[in-house]
Protein backbone atom coordinates (compact mmCIF):
# COMPACT_ATOMS: atom_id res chain seq x y z
CA ALA A 1 19.72 -10.09 8.64
CA ARG A 2 21.25 -10.07 5.38
CA GLY A 3 22.49 -13.58 5.83
CA THR A 4 21.09 -16.39 4.85
CA ALA A 5 17.34 -16.07 5.51
CA GLY A 6 17.78 -12.74 4.41
CA TYR A 7 18.59 -14.70 0.99
CA PHE A 8 16.64 -17.32 0.52
CA ARG A 9 13.86 -14.92 1.36
CA ALA A 10 15.23 -11.88 -1.37
CA MET A 11 15.65 -15.11 -3.57
CA ALA A 12 11.82 -15.84 -3.18
CA SER A 13 10.99 -12.77 -2.95
CA GLU A 14 12.53 -12.23 -6.73
CA ALA A 15 10.29 -14.89 -8.20
CA THR A 16 7.34 -13.74 -7.27
CA ALA A 17 8.06 -10.55 -8.34
CA LYS A 18 8.47 -11.86 -12.35
CA GLY A 19 6.29 -14.09 -11.99
CA LEU A 20 3.81 -10.38 -12.18
CA GLY A 21 5.97 -9.21 -14.89
CA ILE A 22 7.81 -6.50 -12.35
CA VAL A 23 11.38 -7.25 -13.01
CA SER A 24 13.89 -4.77 -12.25
CA ASP A 25 14.98 -1.68 -15.56
CA VAL A 26 18.85 -2.23 -14.65
CA THR A 27 19.59 -6.38 -13.64
CA GLY A 28 16.53 -7.67 -15.72
CA ARG A 29 15.68 -9.83 -12.61
CA GLY A 30 12.24 -9.80 -10.25
CA ASP A 31 11.61 -7.10 -8.76
CA GLY A 32 11.09 -8.21 -4.98
CA LEU A 33 11.76 -4.72 -3.57
CA GLY A 34 9.28 -2.56 -5.74
CA MET A 35 7.28 -5.32 -5.16
CA ASN A 36 7.46 -5.57 -1.30
CA LEU A 37 7.39 -1.94 -0.78
CA ALA A 38 4.12 -1.35 -2.88
CA GLY A 39 2.87 -3.84 -0.30
CA GLY A 40 3.69 -7.35 -1.12
CA ALA A 41 2.40 -10.29 -4.01
CA ALA A 42 -0.57 -9.99 -2.82
CA GLU A 43 -1.47 -6.18 -2.25
CA VAL A 44 -0.25 -5.62 -5.71
CA GLN A 45 -2.29 -8.48 -7.23
CA ALA A 46 -5.17 -7.06 -5.17
CA GLN A 47 -5.05 -3.20 -6.60
CA ALA A 48 -4.03 -4.01 -10.08
CA LEU A 49 -8.00 -5.84 -10.44
CA GLU A 50 -8.99 -2.36 -8.67
CA TYR A 51 -7.03 0.06 -10.88
CA ASP A 52 -7.26 -2.11 -13.85
CA LEU A 53 -3.12 -1.82 -14.69
CA PRO A 54 -0.27 -4.31 -14.73
CA PRO A 55 1.24 -5.29 -10.74
CA ALA A 56 4.02 -3.60 -12.72
CA GLU A 57 2.86 -0.70 -12.81
CA VAL A 58 1.33 -0.81 -9.48
CA ALA A 59 4.79 -1.17 -7.69
CA GLU A 60 6.59 1.09 -9.78
CA ALA A 61 3.73 3.41 -8.46
CA ALA A 62 4.68 2.39 -5.00
CA ARG A 63 7.88 2.26 -5.36
CA GLY A 64 9.53 5.86 -5.37
CA THR A 65 7.50 7.12 -2.13
CA ILE A 66 7.77 5.04 0.25
CA ALA A 67 11.26 4.08 -1.01
CA PHE A 68 12.02 7.71 0.11
CA PHE A 69 10.71 7.01 3.73
CA SER A 70 12.20 3.80 4.12
CA GLU A 71 15.09 5.63 3.27
CA VAL A 72 14.33 8.65 5.53
CA ARG A 73 13.97 6.38 8.54
CA ALA A 74 17.24 4.52 8.56
CA GLU A 75 18.90 6.80 8.21
CA GLY A 76 17.65 8.39 11.15
CA LEU A 77 18.55 5.02 13.24
CA GLY A 78 22.02 5.15 11.70
CA ILE A 79 21.33 1.88 9.41
CA VAL A 80 23.55 4.20 6.06
CA SER A 81 25.15 1.50 2.71
CA GLU A 82 29.04 2.99 2.35
CA PHE A 83 27.91 2.14 -0.98
CA THR A 84 25.97 5.89 -1.09
CA GLY A 85 25.66 7.01 2.77
CA ARG A 86 21.92 7.12 2.52
CA GLY A 87 20.09 5.22 4.59
CA ASP A 88 19.46 1.63 4.86
CA GLY A 89 15.83 0.90 4.05
CA LEU A 90 16.12 -2.62 2.20
CA ALA A 91 18.46 -3.41 5.85
CA MET A 92 16.05 -2.67 7.88
CA ALA A 93 13.00 -4.10 5.82
CA LEU A 94 15.32 -7.13 5.97
CA ALA A 95 15.75 -7.14 9.96
CA GLY A 96 11.92 -7.13 10.55
CA GLY A 97 11.48 -2.86 9.40
CA ALA A 98 12.02 -0.49 11.95
CA ALA A 99 10.28 -1.39 14.71
CA GLU A 100 11.60 -4.30 15.10
CA VAL A 101 15.35 -3.43 14.37
CA GLN A 102 14.97 -0.69 17.52
CA ALA A 103 13.07 -3.70 20.09
């Protein structure tokens, strides 16, 4: 799932995030993962309007908690990053999420 389809989804997600001002502190590029962990572009925009916050703040608030649970879920399925040794929530998400991977 990390192959071609995942790459193009990641590029589109990165562009959408950058358009919303959700940018990675590390790379300076659009933070598609942060946006998607917050529920995707539409959810981020809706919450930003409701709470009168910049979309980047909405994404940042969601990222910590959801990323942690995603990491734990991936580790429980044996989907572990070669680099960190921790659960690879991104790989699991790109494959369609925990239920899709298990199915």
